[in-house]
C-alpha atoms as a PDB file:
ATOM      1  CA  MET A   1      29.707 -33.760  12.058  1.00  0.00           C
ATOM      2  CA  ALA A   2      31.556 -32.469  15.123  1.00  0.00           C
ATOM      3  CA  THR A   3      34.151 -34.496  16.996  1.00  0.00           C
ATOM      4  CA  GLY A   4      33.981 -34.645  20.784  1.00  0.00           C
ATOM      5  CA  LEU A   5      36.887 -34.074  23.143  1.00  0.00           C
ATOM      6  CA  LEU A   6      36.529 -35.442  26.665  1.00  0.00           C
ATOM      7  CA  LEU A   7      39.121 -33.947  29.019  1.00  0.00           C
ATOM      8  CA  ILE A   8      39.400 -35.956  32.259  1.00  0.00           C
ATOM      9  CA  ASN A   9      40.994 -34.852  35.502  1.00  0.00           C
ATOM     10  CA  LEU A  10      40.968 -36.712  38.795  1.00  0.00           C
ATOM     11  CA  GLY A  11      38.435 -34.723  40.813  1.00  0.00           C
ATOM     12  CA  THR A  12      37.969 -32.548  43.861  1.00  0.00           C
ATOM     13  CA  PRO A  13      35.502 -32.111  46.727  1.00  0.00           C
ATOM     14  CA  GLU A  14      32.636 -29.748  46.001  1.00  0.00           C
ATOM     15  CA  GLU A  15      33.506 -27.626  49.034  1.00  0.00           C
ATOM     16  CA  PRO A  16      36.238 -27.557  51.704  1.00  0.00           C
ATOM     17  CA  THR A  17      34.201 -29.123  54.484  1.00  0.00           C
ATOM     18  CA  PRO A  18      34.622 -32.482  56.228  1.00  0.00           C
ATOM     19  CA  PRO A  19      31.314 -33.894  54.893  1.00  0.00           C
ATOM     20  CA  ALA A  20      32.154 -32.939  51.290  1.00  0.00           C
ATOM     21  CA  VAL A  21      35.699 -34.261  51.617  1.00  0.00           C
ATOM     22  CA  ARG A  22      34.362 -37.485  53.148  1.00  0.00           C
ATOM     23  CA  ARG A  23      32.031 -38.025  50.157  1.00  0.00           C
ATOM     24  CA  TYR A  24      34.887 -37.410  47.741  1.00  0.00           C
ATOM     25  CA  LEU A  25      37.324 -39.683  49.565  1.00  0.00           C
ATOM     26  CA  ARG A  26      34.734 -42.444  49.831  1.00  0.00           C
ATOM     27  CA  GLU A  27      34.256 -42.488  46.064  1.00  0.00           C
ATOM     28  CA  PHE A  28      37.971 -42.076  45.313  1.00  0.00           C
ATOM     29  CA  LEU A  29      39.361 -44.610  47.767  1.00  0.00           C
ATOM     30  CA  SER A  30      36.667 -47.213  47.124  1.00  0.00           C
ATOM     31  CA  ASP A  31      38.136 -47.673  43.641  1.00  0.00           C
ATOM     32  CA  PRO A  32      40.028 -51.005  43.493  1.00  0.00           C
ATOM     33  CA  ARG A  33      42.517 -49.433  41.095  1.00  0.00           C
ATOM     34  CA  VAL A  34      43.452 -46.925  43.808  1.00  0.00           C
ATOM     35  CA  ILE A  35      43.521 -49.158  46.884  1.00  0.00           C
ATOM     36  CA  ASP A  36      44.268 -52.477  45.215  1.00  0.00           C
ATOM     37  CA  ILE A  37      43.749 -54.857  48.104  1.00  0.00           C
ATOM     38  CA  ASN A  38      40.979 -57.381  48.750  1.00  0.00           C
ATOM     39  CA  PRO A  39      37.514 -55.810  49.077  1.00  0.00           C
ATOM     40  CA  VAL A  40      37.112 -56.651  52.763  1.00  0.00           C
ATOM     41  CA  GLY A  41      40.473 -55.143  53.647  1.00  0.00           C
ATOM     42  CA  ARG A  42      39.748 -52.044  51.562  1.00  0.00           C
ATOM     43  CA  ALA A  43      36.371 -51.554  53.276  1.00  0.00           C
ATOM     44  CA  LEU A  44      37.924 -51.934  56.734  1.00  0.00           C
ATOM     45  CA  LEU A  45      40.756 -49.544  55.915  1.00  0.00           C
ATOM     46  CA  LEU A  46      38.391 -46.981  54.465  1.00  0.00           C
ATOM     47  CA  ASN A  47      35.654 -47.093  57.109  1.00  0.00           C
ATOM     48  CA  LEU A  48      37.686 -47.701  60.252  1.00  0.00           C
ATOM     49  CA  ILE A  49      40.902 -45.778  59.614  1.00  0.00           C
ATOM     50  CA  ILE A  50      40.656 -43.257  56.777  1.00  0.00           C
ATOM     51  CA  LEU A  51      37.114 -41.841  56.753  1.00  0.00           C
ATOM     52  CA  PRO A  52      36.763 -41.303  60.514  1.00  0.00           C
ATOM     53  CA  PHE A  53      39.886 -39.118  60.683  1.00  0.00           C
ATOM     54  CA  ARG A  54      41.246 -37.901  57.340  1.00  0.00           C
ATOM     55  CA  PRO A  55      38.305 -35.734  56.104  1.00  0.00           C
ATOM     56  CA  LYS A  56      38.755 -33.143  58.862  1.00  0.00           C
ATOM     57  CA  LYS A  57      42.498 -32.855  58.218  1.00  0.00           C
ATOM     58  CA  SER A  58      42.054 -32.725  54.440  1.00  0.00           C
ATOM     59  CA  ALA A  59      39.235 -30.179  54.707  1.00  0.00           C
ATOM     60  CA  HIS A  60      41.561 -27.896  56.657  1.00  0.00           C
ATOM     61  CA  ALA A  61      44.144 -28.194  53.869  1.00  0.00           C
ATOM     62  CA  TYR A  62      41.527 -27.480  51.187  1.00  0.00           C
ATOM     63  CA  GLN A  63      40.378 -24.394  53.105  1.00  0.00           C
ATOM     64  CA  ALA A  64      43.918 -23.016  52.835  1.00  0.00           C
ATOM     65  CA  ILE A  65      43.812 -23.079  49.019  1.00  0.00           C
ATOM     66  CA  TRP A  66      40.099 -22.583  48.273  1.00  0.00           C
ATOM     67  CA  ASP A  67      39.134 -19.519  46.241  1.00  0.00           C
ATOM     68  CA  LYS A  68      36.017 -17.886  47.679  1.00  0.00           C
ATOM     69  CA  GLU A  69      34.632 -17.094  44.233  1.00  0.00           C
ATOM     70  CA  ARG A  70      35.961 -19.849  41.999  1.00  0.00           C
ATOM     71  CA  GLY A  71      36.268 -22.770  44.410  1.00  0.00           C
ATOM     72  CA  SER A  72      38.770 -25.594  43.998  1.00  0.00           C
ATOM     73  CA  PRO A  73      41.943 -24.654  42.083  1.00  0.00           C
ATOM     74  CA  LEU A  74      42.032 -28.016  40.310  1.00  0.00           C
ATOM     75  CA  PHE A  75      38.503 -27.449  39.053  1.00  0.00           C
ATOM     76  CA  TYR A  76      38.775 -23.847  37.926  1.00  0.00           C
ATOM     77  CA  HIS A  77      42.186 -24.316  36.299  1.00  0.00           C
ATOM     78  CA  SER A  78      40.804 -27.360  34.444  1.00  0.00           C
ATOM     79  CA  ARG A  79      37.706 -25.398  33.479  1.00  0.00           C
ATOM     80  CA  ASP A  80      39.840 -22.539  32.141  1.00  0.00           C
ATOM     81  CA  LEU A  81      41.859 -25.055  30.130  1.00  0.00           C
ATOM     82  CA  ALA A  82      38.741 -26.658  28.660  1.00  0.00           C
ATOM     83  CA  ASP A  83      37.309 -23.272  27.666  1.00  0.00           C
ATOM     84  CA  ALA A  84      40.566 -22.203  26.014  1.00  0.00           C
ATOM     85  CA  VAL A  85      40.958 -25.522  24.201  1.00  0.00           C
ATOM     86  CA  ALA A  86      37.360 -25.324  22.942  1.00  0.00           C
ATOM     87  CA  LYS A  87      38.114 -21.906  21.476  1.00  0.00           C
ATOM     88  CA  ALA A  88      41.328 -23.183  19.885  1.00  0.00           C
ATOM     89  CA  MET A  89      39.620 -26.249  18.366  1.00  0.00           C
ATOM     90  CA  GLY A  90      36.804 -24.319  16.717  1.00  0.00           C
ATOM     91  CA  ASP A  91      33.219 -25.206  15.867  1.00  0.00           C
ATOM     92  CA  ASP A  92      34.083 -28.664  14.518  1.00  0.00           C
ATOM     93  CA  TRP A  93      34.829 -29.859  18.055  1.00  0.00           C
ATOM     94  CA  LYS A  94      32.697 -30.136  21.181  1.00  0.00           C
ATOM     95  CA  VAL A  95      34.761 -30.075  24.379  1.00  0.00           C
ATOM     96  CA  GLU A  96      33.598 -31.434  27.729  1.00  0.00           C
ATOM     97  CA  LEU A  97      35.515 -31.415  31.009  1.00  0.00           C
ATOM     98  CA  VAL A  98      34.807 -34.239  33.461  1.00  0.00           C
ATOM     99  CA  MET A  99      36.259 -35.620  36.666  1.00  0.00           C
ATOM    100  CA  ARG A 100      36.889 -39.270  37.419  1.00  0.00           C
ATOM    101  CA  TYR A 101      35.514 -38.693  40.909  1.00  0.00           C
ATOM    102  CA  GLY A 102      32.974 -36.040  41.791  1.00  0.00           C
ATOM    103  CA  SER A 103      31.406 -33.569  39.405  1.00  0.00           C
ATOM    104  CA  PRO A 104      31.070 -33.089  36.483  1.00  0.00           C
ATOM    105  CA  SER A 105      31.107 -36.849  36.116  1.00  0.00           C
ATOM    106  CA  ILE A 106      32.121 -39.021  33.184  1.00  0.00           C
ATOM    107  CA  PRO A 107      28.491 -40.107  32.577  1.00  0.00           C
ATOM    108  CA  GLU A 108      27.445 -36.443  32.493  1.00  0.00           C
ATOM    109  CA  GLY A 109      30.142 -35.572  29.981  1.00  0.00           C
ATOM    110  CA  LEU A 110      29.416 -38.487  27.669  1.00  0.00           C
ATOM    111  CA  ASP A 111      25.702 -37.717  27.827  1.00  0.00           C
ATOM    112  CA  ALA A 112      26.334 -34.081  26.906  1.00  0.00           C
ATOM    113  CA  LEU A 113      28.334 -35.161  23.863  1.00  0.00           C
ATOM    114  CA  ARG A 114      25.648 -37.646  22.865  1.00  0.00           C
ATOM    115  CA  ARG A 115      22.976 -34.950  23.076  1.00  0.00           C
ATOM    116  CA  ALA A 116      25.194 -32.709  20.928  1.00  0.00           C
ATOM    117  CA  GLY A 117      25.077 -35.357  18.200  1.00  0.00           C
ATOM    118  CA  VAL A 118      28.695 -36.418  18.601  1.00  0.00           C
ATOM    119  CA  ASP A 119      29.584 -39.988  17.599  1.00  0.00           C
ATOM    120  CA  HIS A 120      33.397 -39.770  17.551  1.00  0.00           C
ATOM    121  CA  ILE A 121      34.998 -38.828  20.883  1.00  0.00           C
ATOM    122  CA  VAL A 122      38.666 -38.234  21.593  1.00  0.00           C
ATOM    123  CA  VAL A 123      39.348 -39.128  25.235  1.00  0.00           C
ATOM    124  CA  LEU A 124      42.240 -37.244  26.845  1.00  0.00           C
ATOM    125  CA  PRO A 125      43.058 -38.158  30.446  1.00  0.00           C
ATOM    126  CA  LEU A 126      44.981 -35.184  31.847  1.00  0.00           C
ATOM    127  CA  PHE A 127      47.678 -37.353  33.420  1.00  0.00           C
ATOM    128  CA  PRO A 128      51.056 -37.156  31.652  1.00  0.00           C
ATOM    129  CA  GLN A 129      52.370 -40.449  33.029  1.00  0.00           C
ATOM    130  CA  TYR A 130      50.340 -43.648  33.046  1.00  0.00           C
ATOM    131  CA  ALA A 131      49.162 -45.171  36.314  1.00  0.00           C
ATOM    132  CA  SER A 132      46.321 -47.623  36.762  1.00  0.00           C
ATOM    133  CA  SER A 133      45.065 -45.402  39.614  1.00  0.00           C
ATOM    134  CA  SER A 134      44.732 -42.352  37.337  1.00  0.00           C
ATOM    135  CA  THR A 135      44.710 -42.953  33.570  1.00  0.00           C
ATOM    136  CA  GLY A 136      43.691 -46.577  33.984  1.00  0.00           C
ATOM    137  CA  THR A 137      40.662 -45.941  36.158  1.00  0.00           C
ATOM    138  CA  ALA A 138      39.563 -42.964  34.022  1.00  0.00           C
ATOM    139  CA  LEU A 139      39.607 -45.045  30.840  1.00  0.00           C
ATOM    140  CA  ALA A 140      37.962 -48.018  32.524  1.00  0.00           C
ATOM    141  CA  ARG A 141      35.084 -45.784  33.613  1.00  0.00           C
ATOM    142  CA  VAL A 142      34.744 -44.217  30.150  1.00  0.00           C
ATOM    143  CA  PHE A 143      34.581 -47.650  28.519  1.00  0.00           C
ATOM    144  CA  GLU A 144      32.095 -48.868  31.122  1.00  0.00           C
ATOM    145  CA  VAL A 145      29.731 -45.924  30.639  1.00  0.00           C
ATOM    146  CA  ALA A 146      30.102 -45.817  26.858  1.00  0.00           C
ATOM    147  CA  GLY A 147      29.376 -49.539  26.689  1.00  0.00           C
ATOM    148  CA  GLN A 148      26.008 -49.016  28.358  1.00  0.00           C
ATOM    149  CA  GLN A 149      24.754 -46.956  25.407  1.00  0.00           C
ATOM    150  CA  TRP A 150      22.863 -48.728  22.640  1.00  0.00           C
ATOM    151  CA  ASN A 151      24.744 -46.683  20.052  1.00  0.00           C
ATOM    152  CA  THR A 152      28.208 -46.837  21.533  1.00  0.00           C
ATOM    153  CA  PRO A 153      30.404 -43.841  20.665  1.00  0.00           C
ATOM    154  CA  TRP A 154      33.520 -44.210  18.574  1.00  0.00           C
ATOM    155  CA  LEU A 155      36.364 -43.613  21.035  1.00  0.00           C
ATOM    156  CA  SER A 156      39.925 -42.535  20.306  1.00  0.00           C
ATOM    157  CA  VAL A 157      42.282 -42.333  23.280  1.00  0.00           C
ATOM    158  CA  VAL A 158      45.251 -39.994  23.680  1.00  0.00           C
ATOM    159  CA  PRO A 159      48.047 -42.113  25.173  1.00  0.00           C
ATOM    160  CA  PRO A 160      50.255 -40.916  28.045  1.00  0.00           C
ATOM    161  CA  PHE A 161      52.075 -37.779  26.888  1.00  0.00           C
ATOM    162  CA  TYR A 162      55.015 -37.850  29.295  1.00  0.00           C
ATOM    163  CA  GLU A 163      57.502 -37.262  26.455  1.00  0.00           C
ATOM    164  CA  ASP A 164      55.300 -35.198  24.165  1.00  0.00           C
ATOM    165  CA  PRO A 165      57.348 -32.219  22.909  1.00  0.00           C
ATOM    166  CA  GLY A 166      54.434 -29.798  23.312  1.00  0.00           C
ATOM    167  CA  PHE A 167      53.847 -30.863  26.918  1.00  0.00           C
ATOM    168  CA  LEU A 168      57.549 -30.588  27.753  1.00  0.00           C
ATOM    169  CA  ARG A 169      57.923 -27.205  26.051  1.00  0.00           C
ATOM    170  CA  ALA A 170      54.882 -25.879  27.909  1.00  0.00           C
ATOM    171  CA  PHE A 171      56.261 -26.936  31.302  1.00  0.00           C
ATOM    172  CA  ALA A 172      59.700 -25.557  30.462  1.00  0.00           C
ATOM    173  CA  ALA A 173      58.155 -22.219  29.453  1.00  0.00           C
ATOM    174  CA  VAL A 174      56.335 -21.918  32.787  1.00  0.00           C
ATOM    175  CA  ALA A 175      59.506 -22.849  34.653  1.00  0.00           C
ATOM    176  CA  ARG A 176      61.562 -20.223  32.827  1.00  0.00           C
ATOM    177  CA  ALA A 177      58.901 -17.579  33.424  1.00  0.00           C
ATOM    178  CA  HIS A 178      59.249 -18.226  37.152  1.00  0.00           C
ATOM    179  CA  LYS A 179      63.057 -17.986  37.037  1.00  0.00           C
ATOM    180  CA  VAL A 180      63.908 -21.608  37.633  1.00  0.00           C
ATOM    181  CA  ASP A 181      67.432 -20.765  36.461  1.00  0.00           C
ATOM    182  CA  SER A 182      68.066 -18.723  39.610  1.00  0.00           C
ATOM    183  CA  ALA A 183      67.596 -21.717  41.931  1.00  0.00           C
ATOM    184  CA  ASP A 184      70.558 -23.530  43.430  1.00  0.00           C
ATOM    185  CA  HIS A 185      68.814 -26.848  42.875  1.00  0.00           C
ATOM    186  CA  VAL A 186      65.618 -28.055  41.190  1.00  0.00           C
ATOM    187  CA  LEU A 187      63.309 -30.779  42.446  1.00  0.00           C
ATOM    188  CA  MET A 188      61.022 -32.553  40.025  1.00  0.00           C
ATOM    189  CA  SER A 189      58.454 -33.897  42.466  1.00  0.00           C
ATOM    190  CA  PHE A 190      55.943 -36.393  41.085  1.00  0.00           C
ATOM    191  CA  HIS A 191      52.998 -37.930  42.876  1.00  0.00           C
ATOM    192  CA  GLY A 192      53.979 -41.173  44.551  1.00  0.00           C
ATOM    193  CA  LEU A 193      52.558 -44.672  44.171  1.00  0.00           C
ATOM    194  CA  PRO A 194      52.884 -47.851  46.215  1.00  0.00           C
ATOM    195  CA  GLU A 195      55.749 -49.991  44.981  1.00  0.00           C
ATOM    196  CA  ARG A 196      53.319 -52.850  44.345  1.00  0.00           C
ATOM    197  CA  HIS A 197      51.589 -50.736  41.654  1.00  0.00           C
ATOM    198  CA  ILE A 198      54.904 -50.401  39.846  1.00  0.00           C
ATOM    199  CA  ARG A 199      55.660 -54.103  40.006  1.00  0.00           C
ATOM    200  CA  LYS A 200      52.179 -54.957  38.734  1.00  0.00           C
ATOM    201  CA  SER A 201      52.807 -52.814  35.635  1.00  0.00           C
ATOM    202  CA  ASP A 202      55.830 -54.916  34.632  1.00  0.00           C
ATOM    203  CA  PRO A 203      54.735 -57.826  32.389  1.00  0.00           C
ATOM    204  CA  SER A 204      58.144 -59.492  32.769  1.00  0.00           C
ATOM    205  CA  GLY A 205      58.007 -59.450  36.575  1.00  0.00           C
ATOM    206  CA  ALA A 206      61.763 -59.035  36.619  1.00  0.00           C
ATOM    207  CA  HIS A 207      62.584 -55.444  35.659  1.00  0.00           C
ATOM    208  CA  CYS A 208      60.731 -52.727  37.595  1.00  0.00           C
ATOM    209  CA  LEU A 209      62.379 -51.908  40.952  1.00  0.00           C
ATOM    210  CA  ALA A 210      64.684 -54.891  40.496  1.00  0.00           C
ATOM    211  CA  GLN A 211      67.760 -52.704  40.038  1.00  0.00           C
ATOM    212  CA  SER A 212      68.712 -49.060  40.546  1.00  0.00           C
ATOM    213  CA  SER A 213      68.924 -48.432  36.783  1.00  0.00           C
ATOM    214  CA  CYS A 214      65.464 -49.813  35.966  1.00  0.00           C
ATOM    215  CA  CYS A 215      64.091 -46.376  34.992  1.00  0.00           C
ATOM    216  CA  ASP A 216      67.105 -45.145  33.012  1.00  0.00           C
ATOM    217  CA  ARG A 217      65.302 -45.721  29.714  1.00  0.00           C
ATOM    218  CA  ILE A 218      61.960 -46.960  28.440  1.00  0.00           C
ATOM    219  CA  VAL A 219      62.053 -50.619  27.377  1.00  0.00           C
ATOM    220  CA  ASP A 220      59.354 -53.197  26.782  1.00  0.00           C
ATOM    221  CA  ALA A 221      59.152 -54.271  30.431  1.00  0.00           C
ATOM    222  CA  ASN A 222      58.628 -50.738  31.805  1.00  0.00           C
ATOM    223  CA  ARG A 223      56.692 -49.191  28.924  1.00  0.00           C
ATOM    224  CA  ASN A 224      53.647 -48.809  31.221  1.00  0.00           C
ATOM    225  CA  CYS A 225      55.643 -48.077  34.376  1.00  0.00           C
ATOM    226  CA  TYR A 226      54.655 -44.809  36.034  1.00  0.00           C
ATOM    227  CA  ARG A 227      58.054 -44.341  37.686  1.00  0.00           C
ATOM    228  CA  ALA A 228      59.957 -44.917  34.431  1.00  0.00           C
ATOM    229  CA  GLN A 229      57.716 -42.437  32.630  1.00  0.00           C
ATOM    230  CA  CYS A 230      58.303 -39.861  35.399  1.00  0.00           C
ATOM    231  CA  TYR A 231      62.049 -40.191  34.919  1.00  0.00           C
ATOM    232  CA  ALA A 232      61.604 -39.819  31.155  1.00  0.00           C
ATOM    233  CA  THR A 233      59.645 -36.597  31.723  1.00  0.00           C
ATOM    234  CA  ALA A 234      62.365 -35.329  34.047  1.00  0.00           C
ATOM    235  CA  ARG A 235      65.097 -36.061  31.506  1.00  0.00           C
ATOM    236  CA  GLY A 236      63.151 -34.229  28.817  1.00  0.00           C
ATOM    237  CA  LEU A 237      62.581 -31.173  31.011  1.00  0.00           C
ATOM    238  CA  ALA A 238      66.183 -31.132  32.187  1.00  0.00           C
ATOM    239  CA  ALA A 239      67.361 -31.096  28.578  1.00  0.00           C
ATOM    240  CA  LEU A 240      65.073 -28.169  27.706  1.00  0.00           C
ATOM    241  CA  LEU A 241      66.076 -26.241  30.833  1.00  0.00           C
ATOM    242  CA  ASP A 242      69.808 -26.998  30.429  1.00  0.00           C
ATOM    243  CA  LEU A 243      69.932 -28.621  33.852  1.00  0.00           C
ATOM    244  CA  PRO A 244      72.955 -30.878  34.381  1.00  0.00           C
ATOM    245  CA  ALA A 245      72.396 -34.052  36.353  1.00  0.00           C
ATOM    246  CA  ASP A 246      73.813 -32.583  39.565  1.00  0.00           C
ATOM    247  CA  ARG A 247      71.380 -29.641  39.563  1.00  0.00           C
ATOM    248  CA  TYR A 248      68.117 -31.550  39.731  1.00  0.00           C
ATOM    249  CA  THR A 249      66.610 -34.446  41.659  1.00  0.00           C
ATOM    250  CA  VAL A 250      63.597 -36.608  40.849  1.00  0.00           C
ATOM    251  CA  CYS A 251      61.452 -37.447  43.876  1.00  0.00           C
ATOM    252  CA  PHE A 252      57.952 -38.572  44.828  1.00  0.00           C
ATOM    253  CA  GLN A 253      55.447 -36.952  47.182  1.00  0.00           C
ATOM    254  CA  SER A 254      52.085 -37.635  48.855  1.00  0.00           C
ATOM    255  CA  ARG A 255      52.751 -41.123  50.187  1.00  0.00           C
ATOM    256  CA  LEU A 256      50.056 -42.622  52.397  1.00  0.00           C
ATOM    257  CA  GLY A 257      50.110 -45.508  54.839  1.00  0.00           C
ATOM    258  CA  ARG A 258      52.876 -47.854  55.926  1.00  0.00           C
ATOM    259  CA  THR A 259      53.480 -49.879  52.783  1.00  0.00           C
ATOM    260  CA  PRO A 260      56.580 -48.975  50.726  1.00  0.00           C
ATOM    261  CA  TRP A 261      56.052 -46.236  48.125  1.00  0.00           C
ATOM    262  CA  ILE A 262      58.362 -45.349  45.272  1.00  0.00           C
ATOM    263  CA  ARG A 263      61.503 -43.475  46.256  1.00  0.00           C
ATOM    264  CA  PRO A 264      63.171 -41.107  46.797  1.00  0.00           C
ATOM    265  CA  TYR A 265      60.605 -39.332  48.992  1.00  0.00           C
ATOM    266  CA  THR A 266      60.211 -35.594  48.438  1.00  0.00           C
ATOM    267  CA  ASP A 267      60.121 -34.677  52.124  1.00  0.00           C
ATOM    268  CA  GLU A 268      63.337 -36.587  52.825  1.00  0.00           C
ATOM    269  CA  VAL A 269      65.129 -35.018  49.840  1.00  0.00           C
ATOM    270  CA  ILE A 270      64.088 -31.540  50.984  1.00  0.00           C
ATOM    271  CA  ASP A 271      65.678 -32.106  54.395  1.00  0.00           C
ATOM    272  CA  GLN A 272      68.839 -33.502  52.805  1.00  0.00           C
ATOM    273  CA  LEU A 273      69.219 -30.507  50.496  1.00  0.00           C
ATOM    274  CA  ALA A 274      68.639 -27.994  53.292  1.00  0.00           C
ATOM    275  CA  LYS A 275      71.252 -29.704  55.458  1.00  0.00           C
ATOM    276  CA  ALA A 276      73.642 -29.644  52.485  1.00  0.00           C
ATOM    277  CA  LYS A 277      73.424 -25.810  52.539  1.00  0.00           C
ATOM    278  CA  THR A 278      71.109 -25.437  49.522  1.00  0.00           C
ATOM    279  CA  LYS A 279      69.656 -21.949  49.894  1.00  0.00           C
ATOM    280  CA  HIS A 280      67.196 -21.541  47.016  1.00  0.00           C
ATOM    281  CA  LEU A 281      65.217 -24.588  45.930  1.00  0.00           C
ATOM    282  CA  ALA A 282      62.764 -24.635  43.003  1.00  0.00           C
ATOM    283  CA  VAL A 283      60.146 -27.390  42.786  1.00  0.00           C
ATOM    284  CA  LEU A 284      58.368 -28.497  39.618  1.00  0.00           C
ATOM    285  CA  CYS A 285      55.489 -30.995  39.847  1.00  0.00           C
ATOM    286  CA  PRO A 286      55.299 -32.474  36.319  1.00  0.00           C
ATOM    287  CA  ALA A 287      52.696 -35.134  37.185  1.00  0.00           C
ATOM    288  CA  PHE A 288      50.077 -32.399  37.630  1.00  0.00           C
ATOM    289  CA  VAL A 289      48.826 -30.265  34.745  1.00  0.00           C
ATOM    290  CA  ALA A 290      46.624 -28.133  37.039  1.00  0.00           C
ATOM    291  CA  ASP A 291      47.559 -26.681  40.395  1.00  0.00           C
ATOM    292  CA  CYS A 292      45.786 -28.450  43.224  1.00  0.00           C
ATOM    293  CA  LEU A 293      46.118 -29.508  46.848  1.00  0.00           C
ATOM    294  CA  GLU A 294      49.297 -31.459  46.123  1.00  0.00           C
ATOM    295  CA  THR A 295      51.076 -28.513  44.509  1.00  0.00           C
ATOM    296  CA  ILE A 296      49.749 -25.423  46.298  1.00  0.00           C
ATOM    297  CA  GLU A 297      49.381 -26.751  49.835  1.00  0.00           C
ATOM    298  CA  GLU A 298      51.745 -29.721  49.999  1.00  0.00           C
ATOM    299  CA  ILE A 299      54.652 -28.097  48.149  1.00  0.00           C
ATOM    300  CA  GLY A 300      53.952 -24.361  48.173  1.00  0.00           C
ATOM    301  CA  MET A 301      53.056 -24.240  51.872  1.00  0.00           C
ATOM    302  CA  ARG A 302      54.148 -27.277  53.873  1.00  0.00           C
ATOM    303  CA  ALA A 303      57.307 -28.112  51.921  1.00  0.00           C
ATOM    304  CA  ARG A 304      58.379 -24.465  51.992  1.00  0.00           C
ATOM    305  CA  GLN A 305      57.994 -24.372  55.772  1.00  0.00           C
ATOM    306  CA  GLN A 306      59.882 -27.651  56.090  1.00  0.00           C
ATOM    307  CA  PHE A 307      62.761 -26.419  53.909  1.00  0.00           C
ATOM    308  CA  GLN A 308      63.134 -23.192  55.835  1.00  0.00           C
ATOM    309  CA  ALA A 309      62.909 -24.964  59.199  1.00  0.00           C
ATOM    310  CA  ALA A 310      65.726 -27.270  58.076  1.00  0.00           C
ATOM    311  CA  GLY A 311      68.002 -24.329  57.216  1.00  0.00           C
ATOM    312  CA  GLY A 312      67.099 -23.415  53.625  1.00  0.00           C
ATOM    313  CA  GLN A 313      66.211 -19.840  52.690  1.00  0.00           C
ATOM    314  CA  GLU A 314      63.570 -20.037  49.968  1.00  0.00           C
ATOM    315  CA  LEU A 315      61.547 -22.725  48.221  1.00  0.00           C
ATOM    316  CA  THR A 316      59.810 -21.647  45.029  1.00  0.00           C
ATOM    317  CA  MET A 317      56.908 -23.751  43.822  1.00  0.00           C
ATOM    318  CA  ILE A 318      56.822 -23.474  40.035  1.00  0.00           C
ATOM    319  CA  PRO A 319      53.139 -23.266  39.023  1.00  0.00           C
ATOM    320  CA  SER A 320      51.649 -26.024  36.930  1.00  0.00           C
ATOM    321  CA  LEU A 321      50.533 -25.668  33.316  1.00  0.00           C
ATOM    322  CA  ASN A 322      46.948 -24.658  34.188  1.00  0.00           C
ATOM    323  CA  SER A 323      45.674 -22.822  31.079  1.00  0.00           C
ATOM    324  CA  SER A 324      48.952 -21.361  29.816  1.00  0.00           C
ATOM    325  CA  PRO A 325      48.914 -20.651  26.053  1.00  0.00           C
ATOM    326  CA  GLU A 326      51.627 -23.208  25.337  1.00  0.00           C
ATOM    327  CA  TRP A 327      49.676 -25.909  27.168  1.00  0.00           C
ATOM    328  CA  VAL A 328      46.425 -25.031  25.392  1.00  0.00           C
ATOM    329  CA  SER A 329      48.230 -25.432  22.075  1.00  0.00           C
ATOM    330  CA  ALA A 330      49.758 -28.740  23.188  1.00  0.00           C
ATOM    331  CA  VAL A 331      46.376 -30.156  24.258  1.00  0.00           C
ATOM    332  CA  ALA A 332      44.794 -29.089  20.971  1.00  0.00           C
ATOM    333  CA  ALA A 333      47.605 -30.766  19.043  1.00  0.00           C
ATOM    334  CA  LEU A 334      47.299 -33.999  21.061  1.00  0.00           C
ATOM    335  CA  ALA A 335      43.555 -34.087  20.425  1.00  0.00           C
ATOM    336  CA  ARG A 336      43.827 -33.362  16.712  1.00  0.00           C
ATOM    337  CA  ARG A 337      46.466 -36.061  16.219  1.00  0.00           C
ATOM    338  CA  ALA A 338      44.344 -38.650  18.004  1.00  0.00           C
ATOM    339  CA  GLY A 339      41.277 -37.646  16.036  1.00  0.00           C
ATOM    340  CA  ALA A 340      43.060 -37.719  12.677  1.00  0.00           C
ATOM    341  CA  ALA A 341      44.677 -41.082  13.416  1.00  0.00           C
ATOM    342  CA  SER A 342      41.241 -42.696  13.699  1.00  0.00           C
ATOM    343  CA  VAL A 343      39.848 -41.378  10.421  1.00  0.00           C
END
């Protein structure tokens, strides 16, 4: 009997228009794991501040990266990955790609596997580092939908792979192929999170963000801390790329709103490096396994313009893993290990 593999990415609007972006943002930002405030406050924030204004701005950004034939980069890169992984896994596996928000949905993917006669499903959220607003919400939705079936599927979950050797080797290979060695300095820019999300992940309540060294190593208190896992990924990549500590900086992008987000902020670091006479800056985004709005537009376009305006010469956005051969092999290995561990 075949084993199922459910690959989960975050999601994307169906088209780069304000109405489509509004539908996507409504679903995404209504999730209490994403905006973790009281329901009344979340509804007011969403309906009075975000949805009336942000869809038009975001749609303009999506238009800048949209492929006329293939659509959203996040979707088609994820689709290419799923197709390549299915080929690598062989006939004993059935692979479905789903999105936490938008289409194809988690219910659609689980239903397709059920109709294919699959009882054992390996669930692989495509988020290297754990956050409740990404991995957490994806798994919660899988468990919710699977629990509605009379014959519930047998689920095996691939844990966060922020230190997985295959993942790190794949990212290092892409970085080398795009001549990361020629840069004066390397940024490892991860997606940001509100500081309160980090503190909520700390069961001790006394470690995360309590001191400057809190992310220097993984310990019991920060084992589920997104920021600590980002730093662990950065250390692993730096070792593979032979980057000494003074040649790379870890930072966090995409902050939203006025509440404190995890630091240092990518846009502030870019200005600091330009003013320090850094000429060639390379940026890796190791929280994203598929190129998307946050990599192509935020880093490859806006951050490049910012760096040059501040006095830098060139900013090179290192592409994400997408469907590179090394990443396909790493995903297949992660899935097989999770499947074998449950037998």
